[in-house]
Amino acid sequence: MKISITGPPGSGKTTLLKRIVNRLGGFFGFYTEEVRVGGRRRGFKVVPLPEGEPFLLASVDPSELRRPSYRIGKYIVDKRALDEIVSILKESLNEDRVAIDEVGKMELLHPEFRPLITGVLDADKTVVLTFGKNIDKFYKRYIELKTHVVELNKRGDAEKRLPIILERLRRPFYPLL
């Protein structure tokens, strides 16, 4: 069973993925969290699953990064962090349950990330991932074809969808609304 979660920023994509992972357990992969200072978003960090040391993926301040390499909007992306994400994904290919938050513009900068995503989606695994609306059209379409897409439009949608998604992951023939 493969489920993807999409929606605008702030709709609860990461929150929903984390709740699924925490309730069912046994997931490998990663999720991202915002780094906020004084209520303002300053960057993103990656949290490896099932356990691992979080690391900074992107920041508005390049001096905070180990190897600043790319710019996406106001954020500078760390090349070493992208390498670590790729390593996490490679390891997750050997696992039954994979969580990926998110397939986004920053992550797709790494050339090895792209084939790993298709590999995970083609494999016989339980996959829960999030993706942004404005990613590469090929990968957006590929995700839509390979997964049951859950679209979140506003705050509160995630809470309503959680019980249905959990049941679907526990029993693959349960209808997903």
N, C-alpha and C. Protein backbone atom coordinates (compact mmCIF):
# COMPACT_ATOMS: atom_id res chain seq x y z
N MET A 1 0.84 -1.17 0.00
CA MET A 1 0.00 0.00 0.00
C MET A 1 0.89 1.24 0.00
N LYS A 2 0.56 2.15 -0.88
CA LYS A 2 1.33 3.39 -0.99
C LYS A 2 0.37 4.57 -0.92
N ILE A 3 0.65 5.48 0.01
CA ILE A 3 -0.19 6.66 0.19
C ILE A 3 0.69 7.89 0.10
N SER A 4 0.23 8.86 -0.68
CA SER A 4 0.93 10.14 -0.74
C SER A 4 0.00 11.23 -0.22
N ILE A 5 0.61 12.22 0.40
CA ILE A 5 -0.13 13.31 1.00
C ILE A 5 0.36 14.60 0.36
N THR A 6 -0.56 15.41 -0.12
CA THR A 6 -0.19 16.68 -0.74
C THR A 6 -1.13 17.78 -0.26
N GLY A 7 -0.73 18.99 -0.49
CA GLY A 7 -1.52 20.14 -0.09
C GLY A 7 -0.63 21.35 0.02
N PRO A 8 -1.24 22.51 0.23
CA PRO A 8 -0.44 23.73 0.34
C PRO A 8 0.36 23.76 1.64
N PRO A 9 1.36 24.63 1.72
CA PRO A 9 2.11 24.78 2.98
C PRO A 9 1.15 25.06 4.14
N GLY A 10 1.41 24.40 5.26
CA GLY A 10 0.60 24.62 6.45
C GLY A 10 -0.68 23.79 6.51
N SER A 11 -0.89 22.91 5.53
CA SER A 11 -2.13 22.11 5.51
C SER A 11 -2.06 20.88 6.40
N GLY A 12 -0.86 20.54 6.89
CA GLY A 12 -0.74 19.40 7.80
C GLY A 12 -0.12 18.15 7.21
N LYS A 13 0.57 18.28 6.09
CA LYS A 13 1.17 17.10 5.43
C LYS A 13 2.15 16.38 6.36
N THR A 14 3.11 17.10 6.89
CA THR A 14 4.12 16.49 7.76
C THR A 14 3.48 15.98 9.05
N THR A 15 2.57 16.74 9.61
CA THR A 15 1.89 16.32 10.84
C THR A 15 1.17 15.00 10.62
N LEU A 16 0.46 14.87 9.51
CA LEU A 16 -0.26 13.63 9.21
C LEU A 16 0.71 12.47 9.03
N LEU A 17 1.78 12.69 8.28
CA LEU A 17 2.78 11.63 8.09
C LEU A 17 3.37 11.19 9.43
N LYS A 18 3.72 12.13 10.28
CA LYS A 18 4.30 11.80 11.59
C LYS A 18 3.31 11.01 12.44
N ARG A 19 2.05 11.37 12.40
CA ARG A 19 1.04 10.64 13.18
C ARG A 19 0.88 9.21 12.67
N ILE A 20 0.90 9.04 11.37
CA ILE A 20 0.82 7.69 10.79
C ILE A 20 2.01 6.85 11.24
N VAL A 21 3.20 7.41 11.10
CA VAL A 21 4.43 6.72 11.48
C VAL A 21 4.43 6.37 12.97
N ASN A 22 4.01 7.29 13.82
CA ASN A 22 3.99 7.04 15.26
C ASN A 22 2.95 5.99 15.65
N ARG A 23 1.81 5.99 14.99
CA ARG A 23 0.75 5.03 15.33
C ARG A 23 1.08 3.61 14.87
N LEU A 24 1.65 3.50 13.66
CA LEU A 24 1.89 2.16 13.11
C LEU A 24 3.28 1.62 13.43
N GLY A 25 4.27 2.51 13.55
CA GLY A 25 5.63 2.10 13.86
C GLY A 25 6.29 1.33 12.72
N GLY A 26 7.57 1.08 12.88
CA GLY A 26 8.32 0.27 11.92
C GLY A 26 8.67 0.96 10.61
N PHE A 27 8.60 2.28 10.56
CA PHE A 27 8.93 2.99 9.32
C PHE A 27 10.39 3.42 9.32
N PHE A 28 10.97 3.39 8.13
CA PHE A 28 12.31 3.89 7.89
C PHE A 28 12.20 5.01 6.87
N GLY A 29 13.13 5.95 6.91
CA GLY A 29 13.10 7.07 5.99
C GLY A 29 13.40 8.36 6.74
N PHE A 30 12.62 9.40 6.46
CA PHE A 30 12.86 10.69 7.10
C PHE A 30 11.63 11.58 7.01
N TYR A 31 11.61 12.57 7.87
CA TYR A 31 10.64 13.65 7.74
C TYR A 31 11.38 14.97 7.99
N THR A 32 10.77 16.06 7.55
CA THR A 32 11.38 17.37 7.72
C THR A 32 10.57 18.20 8.71
N GLU A 33 11.25 19.09 9.39
CA GLU A 33 10.60 20.02 10.30
C GLU A 33 11.10 21.43 10.01
N GLU A 34 10.23 22.37 10.21
CA GLU A 34 10.62 23.77 10.06
C GLU A 34 11.55 24.16 11.21
N VAL A 35 12.50 25.02 10.91
CA VAL A 35 13.33 25.64 11.95
C VAL A 35 12.82 27.07 12.07
N ARG A 36 12.29 27.39 13.25
CA ARG A 36 11.72 28.72 13.48
C ARG A 36 12.51 29.45 14.55
N VAL A 37 12.70 30.73 14.31
CA VAL A 37 13.36 31.61 15.28
C VAL A 37 12.48 32.84 15.41
N GLY A 38 12.03 33.09 16.62
CA GLY A 38 11.16 34.25 16.84
C GLY A 38 9.89 34.20 16.03
N GLY A 39 9.35 32.98 15.82
CA GLY A 39 8.11 32.83 15.07
C GLY A 39 8.26 32.88 13.56
N ARG A 40 9.49 33.07 13.08
CA ARG A 40 9.73 33.14 11.63
C ARG A 40 10.48 31.91 11.15
N ARG A 41 10.05 31.37 10.03
CA ARG A 41 10.72 30.20 9.47
C ARG A 41 12.09 30.60 8.93
N ARG A 42 13.13 29.90 9.43
CA ARG A 42 14.51 30.20 9.03
C ARG A 42 15.14 29.07 8.23
N GLY A 43 14.47 27.92 8.19
CA GLY A 43 15.04 26.80 7.46
C GLY A 43 14.27 25.52 7.72
N PHE A 44 14.94 24.40 7.36
CA PHE A 44 14.34 23.08 7.52
C PHE A 44 15.40 22.11 8.01
N LYS A 45 14.98 21.21 8.92
CA LYS A 45 15.87 20.15 9.33
C LYS A 45 15.24 18.81 8.98
N VAL A 46 16.09 17.81 8.84
CA VAL A 46 15.68 16.45 8.50
C VAL A 46 15.82 15.58 9.74
N VAL A 47 14.79 14.77 9.99
CA VAL A 47 14.81 13.84 11.12
C VAL A 47 14.76 12.42 10.55
N PRO A 48 15.86 11.66 10.67
CA PRO A 48 15.88 10.29 10.15
C PRO A 48 14.99 9.36 10.99
N LEU A 49 14.38 8.38 10.31
CA LEU A 49 13.55 7.37 10.96
C LEU A 49 14.22 6.00 10.84
N PRO A 50 14.11 5.12 11.83
CA PRO A 50 13.29 5.26 13.02
C PRO A 50 13.94 6.15 14.08
N GLU A 51 15.24 6.21 14.13
CA GLU A 51 15.93 7.08 15.07
C GLU A 51 17.17 7.62 14.37
N GLY A 52 17.54 8.79 14.71
CA GLY A 52 18.74 9.37 14.12
C GLY A 52 18.87 10.81 14.55
N GLU A 53 20.05 11.33 14.35
CA GLU A 53 20.33 12.72 14.70
C GLU A 53 19.78 13.65 13.62
N PRO A 54 18.93 14.58 13.98
CA PRO A 54 18.45 15.56 13.00
C PRO A 54 19.61 16.38 12.44
N PHE A 55 19.46 16.81 11.21
CA PHE A 55 20.48 17.65 10.58
C PHE A 55 19.81 18.70 9.72
N LEU A 56 20.50 19.82 9.54
CA LEU A 56 19.95 20.97 8.82
C LEU A 56 20.01 20.73 7.31
N LEU A 57 18.87 20.89 6.66
CA LEU A 57 18.78 20.74 5.21
C LEU A 57 18.96 22.08 4.50
N ALA A 58 18.31 23.11 5.03
CA ALA A 58 18.33 24.41 4.35
C ALA A 58 18.16 25.53 5.39
N SER A 59 18.70 26.67 5.04
CA SER A 59 18.62 27.82 5.94
C SER A 59 18.67 29.10 5.13
N VAL A 60 18.17 30.17 5.73
CA VAL A 60 18.31 31.48 5.10
C VAL A 60 19.72 32.02 5.33
N ASP A 61 20.44 31.42 6.29
CA ASP A 61 21.80 31.84 6.64
C ASP A 61 22.81 30.77 6.21
N PRO A 62 23.57 31.00 5.14
CA PRO A 62 24.50 29.97 4.65
C PRO A 62 25.59 29.60 5.65
N SER A 63 25.89 30.47 6.62
CA SER A 63 26.93 30.15 7.60
C SER A 63 26.50 29.02 8.54
N GLU A 64 25.22 28.69 8.58
CA GLU A 64 24.72 27.60 9.42
C GLU A 64 24.89 26.24 8.75
N LEU A 65 25.22 26.23 7.46
CA LEU A 65 25.27 24.99 6.69
C LEU A 65 26.69 24.46 6.55
N ARG A 66 26.81 23.14 6.41
CA ARG A 66 28.13 22.52 6.24
C ARG A 66 28.68 22.75 4.84
N ARG A 67 27.79 22.63 3.83
CA ARG A 67 28.22 22.83 2.45
C ARG A 67 27.09 23.48 1.66
N PRO A 68 26.93 24.81 1.78
CA PRO A 68 25.86 25.49 1.04
C PRO A 68 26.07 25.33 -0.46
N SER A 69 25.00 24.95 -1.16
CA SER A 69 25.19 24.62 -2.57
C SER A 69 24.14 25.17 -3.52
N TYR A 70 22.88 25.16 -3.11
CA TYR A 70 21.79 25.53 -4.02
C TYR A 70 20.89 26.57 -3.35
N ARG A 71 20.21 27.33 -4.17
CA ARG A 71 19.23 28.28 -3.64
C ARG A 71 17.85 27.91 -4.19
N ILE A 72 16.88 27.79 -3.26
CA ILE A 72 15.47 27.61 -3.61
C ILE A 72 14.73 28.73 -2.88
N GLY A 73 14.29 29.71 -3.62
CA GLY A 73 13.64 30.87 -3.00
C GLY A 73 14.61 31.56 -2.06
N LYS A 74 14.20 31.77 -0.82
CA LYS A 74 15.07 32.44 0.14
C LYS A 74 16.00 31.48 0.88
N TYR A 75 15.89 30.19 0.61
CA TYR A 75 16.67 29.18 1.33
C TYR A 75 17.88 28.71 0.55
N ILE A 76 18.96 28.48 1.28
CA ILE A 76 20.16 27.87 0.71
C ILE A 76 20.15 26.41 1.18
N VAL A 77 20.36 25.50 0.25
CA VAL A 77 20.28 24.07 0.54
C VAL A 77 21.69 23.51 0.73
N ASP A 78 21.84 22.65 1.72
CA ASP A 78 23.13 22.04 2.05
C ASP A 78 23.32 20.76 1.24
N LYS A 79 24.37 20.71 0.44
CA LYS A 79 24.66 19.53 -0.40
C LYS A 79 24.91 18.29 0.44
N ARG A 80 25.61 18.43 1.56
CA ARG A 80 25.86 17.26 2.42
C ARG A 80 24.57 16.70 3.00
N ALA A 81 23.65 17.57 3.32
CA ALA A 81 22.36 17.11 3.83
C ALA A 81 21.62 16.31 2.75
N LEU A 82 21.69 16.78 1.52
CA LEU A 82 21.06 16.02 0.42
C LEU A 82 21.72 14.66 0.27
N ASP A 83 23.05 14.60 0.41
CA ASP A 83 23.76 13.31 0.36
C ASP A 83 23.27 12.37 1.47
N GLU A 84 23.05 12.93 2.66
CA GLU A 84 22.56 12.11 3.78
C GLU A 84 21.15 11.60 3.52
N ILE A 85 20.30 12.43 2.93
CA ILE A 85 18.94 11.99 2.58
C ILE A 85 19.00 10.84 1.59
N VAL A 86 19.88 10.93 0.62
CA VAL A 86 20.05 9.85 -0.36
C VAL A 86 20.49 8.57 0.34
N SER A 87 21.43 8.68 1.28
CA SER A 87 21.88 7.50 2.04
C SER A 87 20.73 6.87 2.83
N ILE A 88 19.92 7.71 3.45
CA ILE A 88 18.76 7.21 4.19
C ILE A 88 17.81 6.46 3.25
N LEU A 89 17.56 7.03 2.08
CA LEU A 89 16.66 6.37 1.12
C LEU A 89 17.24 5.05 0.63
N LYS A 90 18.53 5.01 0.39
CA LYS A 90 19.17 3.75 -0.04
C LYS A 90 18.99 2.67 1.01
N GLU A 91 19.18 3.03 2.28
CA GLU A 91 18.99 2.06 3.36
C GLU A 91 17.54 1.62 3.46
N SER A 92 16.61 2.54 3.21
CA SER A 92 15.19 2.20 3.34
C SER A 92 14.72 1.23 2.26
N LEU A 93 15.48 1.09 1.17
CA LEU A 93 15.11 0.13 0.13
C LEU A 93 15.08 -1.30 0.66
N ASN A 94 15.78 -1.55 1.76
CA ASN A 94 15.81 -2.89 2.36
C ASN A 94 14.72 -3.09 3.40
N GLU A 95 13.87 -2.09 3.61
CA GLU A 95 12.86 -2.14 4.67
C GLU A 95 11.46 -2.29 4.07
N ASP A 96 10.53 -2.76 4.90
CA ASP A 96 9.15 -2.98 4.44
C ASP A 96 8.29 -1.73 4.47
N ARG A 97 8.60 -0.82 5.40
CA ARG A 97 7.80 0.40 5.55
C ARG A 97 8.70 1.62 5.39
N VAL A 98 8.32 2.50 4.47
CA VAL A 98 9.14 3.67 4.15
C VAL A 98 8.30 4.95 4.28
N ALA A 99 8.86 5.95 4.96
CA ALA A 99 8.23 7.27 5.08
C ALA A 99 9.18 8.31 4.48
N ILE A 100 8.62 9.17 3.63
CA ILE A 100 9.43 10.20 2.97
C ILE A 100 8.68 11.53 3.05
N ASP A 101 9.27 12.48 3.75
CA ASP A 101 8.69 13.82 3.86
C ASP A 101 9.80 14.83 3.59
N GLU A 102 9.93 15.34 2.49
CA GLU A 102 8.97 15.27 1.43
C GLU A 102 9.69 15.09 0.11
N VAL A 103 8.93 14.79 -0.92
CA VAL A 103 9.46 14.86 -2.28
C VAL A 103 9.17 16.28 -2.73
N GLY A 104 10.19 17.13 -2.64
CA GLY A 104 10.01 18.55 -2.95
C GLY A 104 11.15 19.06 -3.80
N LYS A 105 11.10 20.35 -4.10
CA LYS A 105 12.11 20.96 -4.96
C LYS A 105 13.52 20.79 -4.40
N MET A 106 13.67 20.94 -3.08
CA MET A 106 15.01 20.83 -2.49
C MET A 106 15.56 19.42 -2.65
N GLU A 107 14.76 18.42 -2.31
CA GLU A 107 15.21 17.04 -2.36
C GLU A 107 15.49 16.59 -3.80
N LEU A 108 14.68 17.05 -4.74
CA LEU A 108 14.85 16.66 -6.13
C LEU A 108 16.09 17.28 -6.78
N LEU A 109 16.77 18.18 -6.08
CA LEU A 109 18.02 18.74 -6.60
C LEU A 109 19.10 17.67 -6.73
N HIS A 110 19.05 16.66 -5.86
CA HIS A 110 20.09 15.62 -5.87
C HIS A 110 19.77 14.60 -6.96
N PRO A 111 20.68 14.37 -7.90
CA PRO A 111 20.38 13.48 -9.02
C PRO A 111 20.09 12.03 -8.60
N GLU A 112 20.60 11.59 -7.47
CA GLU A 112 20.33 10.22 -7.03
C GLU A 112 18.98 10.09 -6.33
N PHE A 113 18.42 11.19 -5.87
CA PHE A 113 17.13 11.16 -5.18
C PHE A 113 16.03 10.69 -6.12
N ARG A 114 16.07 11.17 -7.35
CA ARG A 114 15.01 10.88 -8.32
C ARG A 114 14.84 9.38 -8.58
N PRO A 115 15.89 8.66 -8.97
CA PRO A 115 15.68 7.21 -9.20
C PRO A 115 15.35 6.44 -7.92
N LEU A 116 15.79 6.93 -6.78
CA LEU A 116 15.44 6.26 -5.53
C LEU A 116 13.95 6.37 -5.25
N ILE A 117 13.36 7.51 -5.56
CA ILE A 117 11.92 7.68 -5.36
C ILE A 117 11.16 6.71 -6.25
N THR A 118 11.53 6.63 -7.52
CA THR A 118 10.83 5.68 -8.40
C THR A 118 11.08 4.25 -7.93
N GLY A 119 12.28 3.95 -7.45
CA GLY A 119 12.56 2.61 -6.94
C GLY A 119 11.71 2.25 -5.74
N VAL A 120 11.55 3.17 -4.81
CA VAL A 120 10.71 2.94 -3.63
C VAL A 120 9.26 2.74 -4.06
N LEU A 121 8.79 3.56 -4.99
CA LEU A 121 7.40 3.46 -5.42
C LEU A 121 7.13 2.20 -6.25
N ASP A 122 8.14 1.68 -6.93
CA ASP A 122 7.97 0.46 -7.72
C ASP A 122 8.10 -0.81 -6.89
N ALA A 123 8.69 -0.69 -5.71
CA ALA A 123 8.93 -1.88 -4.87
C ALA A 123 7.66 -2.28 -4.12
N ASP A 124 7.65 -3.52 -3.68
CA ASP A 124 6.53 -4.06 -2.90
C ASP A 124 6.72 -3.68 -1.44
N LYS A 125 6.33 -2.45 -1.11
CA LYS A 125 6.53 -1.89 0.22
C LYS A 125 5.31 -1.07 0.62
N THR A 126 5.19 -0.83 1.91
CA THR A 126 4.25 0.16 2.41
C THR A 126 4.99 1.49 2.39
N VAL A 127 4.42 2.46 1.71
CA VAL A 127 5.07 3.77 1.57
C VAL A 127 4.06 4.86 1.94
N VAL A 128 4.53 5.79 2.76
CA VAL A 128 3.78 7.02 3.03
C VAL A 128 4.73 8.16 2.72
N LEU A 129 4.31 9.04 1.83
CA LEU A 129 5.18 10.17 1.47
C LEU A 129 4.35 11.43 1.32
N THR A 130 5.03 12.55 1.40
CA THR A 130 4.39 13.83 1.13
C THR A 130 5.07 14.43 -0.10
N PHE A 131 4.30 15.24 -0.82
CA PHE A 131 4.92 15.95 -1.95
C PHE A 131 4.28 17.31 -2.11
N GLY A 132 5.09 18.23 -2.58
CA GLY A 132 4.63 19.59 -2.81
C GLY A 132 3.90 19.69 -4.14
N LYS A 133 3.04 20.64 -4.23
CA LYS A 133 2.25 20.83 -5.45
C LYS A 133 3.08 21.30 -6.64
N ASN A 134 4.20 21.97 -6.37
CA ASN A 134 4.97 22.59 -7.44
C ASN A 134 6.24 21.84 -7.78
N ILE A 135 6.23 20.53 -7.64
CA ILE A 135 7.44 19.77 -7.98
C ILE A 135 7.45 19.47 -9.48
N ASP A 136 8.54 18.92 -9.93
CA ASP A 136 8.72 18.48 -11.30
C ASP A 136 7.49 17.69 -11.76
N LYS A 137 6.95 18.02 -12.92
CA LYS A 137 5.70 17.41 -13.41
C LYS A 137 5.82 15.90 -13.56
N PHE A 138 6.97 15.41 -14.00
CA PHE A 138 7.15 13.97 -14.17
C PHE A 138 6.97 13.26 -12.83
N TYR A 139 7.65 13.75 -11.80
CA TYR A 139 7.58 13.08 -10.49
C TYR A 139 6.22 13.25 -9.84
N LYS A 140 5.60 14.39 -10.04
CA LYS A 140 4.25 14.58 -9.51
C LYS A 140 3.30 13.56 -10.13
N ARG A 141 3.37 13.41 -11.43
CA ARG A 141 2.49 12.46 -12.13
C ARG A 141 2.83 11.01 -11.73
N TYR A 142 4.11 10.71 -11.61
CA TYR A 142 4.53 9.36 -11.22
C TYR A 142 3.98 9.00 -9.83
N ILE A 143 4.09 9.93 -8.90
CA ILE A 143 3.56 9.72 -7.55
C ILE A 143 2.06 9.52 -7.61
N GLU A 144 1.37 10.34 -8.39
CA GLU A 144 -0.08 10.23 -8.50
C GLU A 144 -0.51 8.88 -9.09
N LEU A 145 0.28 8.34 -10.00
CA LEU A 145 -0.04 7.05 -10.61
C LEU A 145 0.25 5.87 -9.69
N LYS A 146 1.25 5.99 -8.84
CA LYS A 146 1.72 4.87 -8.03
C LYS A 146 1.14 4.83 -6.62
N THR A 147 0.44 5.89 -6.20
CA THR A 147 -0.03 5.96 -4.82
C THR A 147 -1.51 6.36 -4.76
N HIS A 148 -2.11 6.14 -3.60
CA HIS A 148 -3.42 6.71 -3.30
C HIS A 148 -3.13 8.12 -2.78
N VAL A 149 -3.59 9.12 -3.48
CA VAL A 149 -3.29 10.51 -3.13
C VAL A 149 -4.33 11.04 -2.14
N VAL A 150 -3.84 11.59 -1.04
CA VAL A 150 -4.69 12.26 -0.06
C VAL A 150 -4.36 13.73 -0.15
N GLU A 151 -5.35 14.53 -0.53
CA GLU A 151 -5.12 15.97 -0.68
C GLU A 151 -5.70 16.70 0.53
N LEU A 152 -4.83 17.47 1.17
CA LEU A 152 -5.24 18.29 2.30
C LEU A 152 -5.41 19.72 1.80
N ASN A 153 -6.54 20.31 2.09
CA ASN A 153 -6.79 21.67 1.60
C ASN A 153 -6.76 22.71 2.69
N LYS A 154 -7.02 22.29 3.92
CA LYS A 154 -7.04 23.26 5.02
C LYS A 154 -6.71 22.56 6.32
N ARG A 155 -6.38 23.36 7.32
CA ARG A 155 -6.11 22.81 8.64
C ARG A 155 -7.34 22.03 9.10
N GLY A 156 -7.10 20.90 9.73
CA GLY A 156 -8.20 20.05 10.19
C GLY A 156 -8.45 18.87 9.28
N ASP A 157 -8.08 18.99 7.99
CA ASP A 157 -8.25 17.86 7.07
C ASP A 157 -7.44 16.65 7.52
N ALA A 158 -6.25 16.89 8.03
CA ALA A 158 -5.37 15.79 8.44
C ALA A 158 -6.02 14.94 9.53
N GLU A 159 -6.61 15.60 10.52
CA GLU A 159 -7.26 14.87 11.62
C GLU A 159 -8.42 14.03 11.12
N LYS A 160 -9.17 14.55 10.17
CA LYS A 160 -10.31 13.82 9.62
C LYS A 160 -9.85 12.60 8.83
N ARG A 161 -8.74 12.71 8.15
CA ARG A 161 -8.27 11.63 7.28
C ARG A 161 -7.48 10.55 8.01
N LEU A 162 -6.91 10.89 9.16
CA LEU A 162 -6.02 9.95 9.87
C LEU A 162 -6.65 8.59 10.12
N PRO A 163 -7.84 8.47 10.70
CA PRO A 163 -8.39 7.13 10.97
C PRO A 163 -8.59 6.29 9.71
N ILE A 164 -9.00 6.93 8.63
CA ILE A 164 -9.23 6.20 7.38
C ILE A 164 -7.90 5.69 6.81
N ILE A 165 -6.88 6.54 6.85
CA ILE A 165 -5.56 6.14 6.32
C ILE A 165 -4.98 5.02 7.16
N LEU A 166 -5.08 5.12 8.48
CA LEU A 166 -4.56 4.06 9.34
C LEU A 166 -5.25 2.74 9.05
N GLU A 167 -6.55 2.77 8.90
CA GLU A 167 -7.29 1.53 8.60
C GLU A 167 -6.87 0.98 7.24
N ARG A 168 -6.68 1.87 6.29
CA ARG A 168 -6.28 1.43 4.94
C ARG A 168 -4.90 0.78 4.96
N LEU A 169 -3.98 1.34 5.74
CA LEU A 169 -2.64 0.76 5.83
C LEU A 169 -2.66 -0.57 6.58
N ARG A 170 -3.56 -0.72 7.53
CA ARG A 170 -3.69 -1.99 8.26
C ARG A 170 -4.39 -3.04 7.42
N ARG A 171 -5.39 -2.61 6.64
CA ARG A 171 -6.18 -3.51 5.79
C ARG A 171 -6.23 -2.91 4.39
N PRO A 172 -5.39 -3.38 3.48
CA PRO A 172 -5.26 -2.74 2.16
C PRO A 172 -6.53 -2.63 1.33
N PHE A 173 -7.57 -3.40 1.63
CA PHE A 173 -8.77 -3.33 0.80
C PHE A 173 -9.86 -2.42 1.39
N TYR A 174 -9.50 -1.72 2.47
CA TYR A 174 -10.42 -0.76 3.08
C TYR A 174 -10.50 0.46 2.17
N PRO A 175 -11.70 0.97 1.85
CA PRO A 175 -11.79 2.10 0.92
C PRO A 175 -11.16 3.37 1.47
N LEU A 176 -10.46 4.07 0.61
CA LEU A 176 -9.82 5.34 0.97
C LEU A 176 -10.64 6.46 0.36
N LEU A 177 -11.10 7.35 1.20
CA LEU A 177 -11.95 8.46 0.72
C LEU A 177 -11.15 9.73 0.62
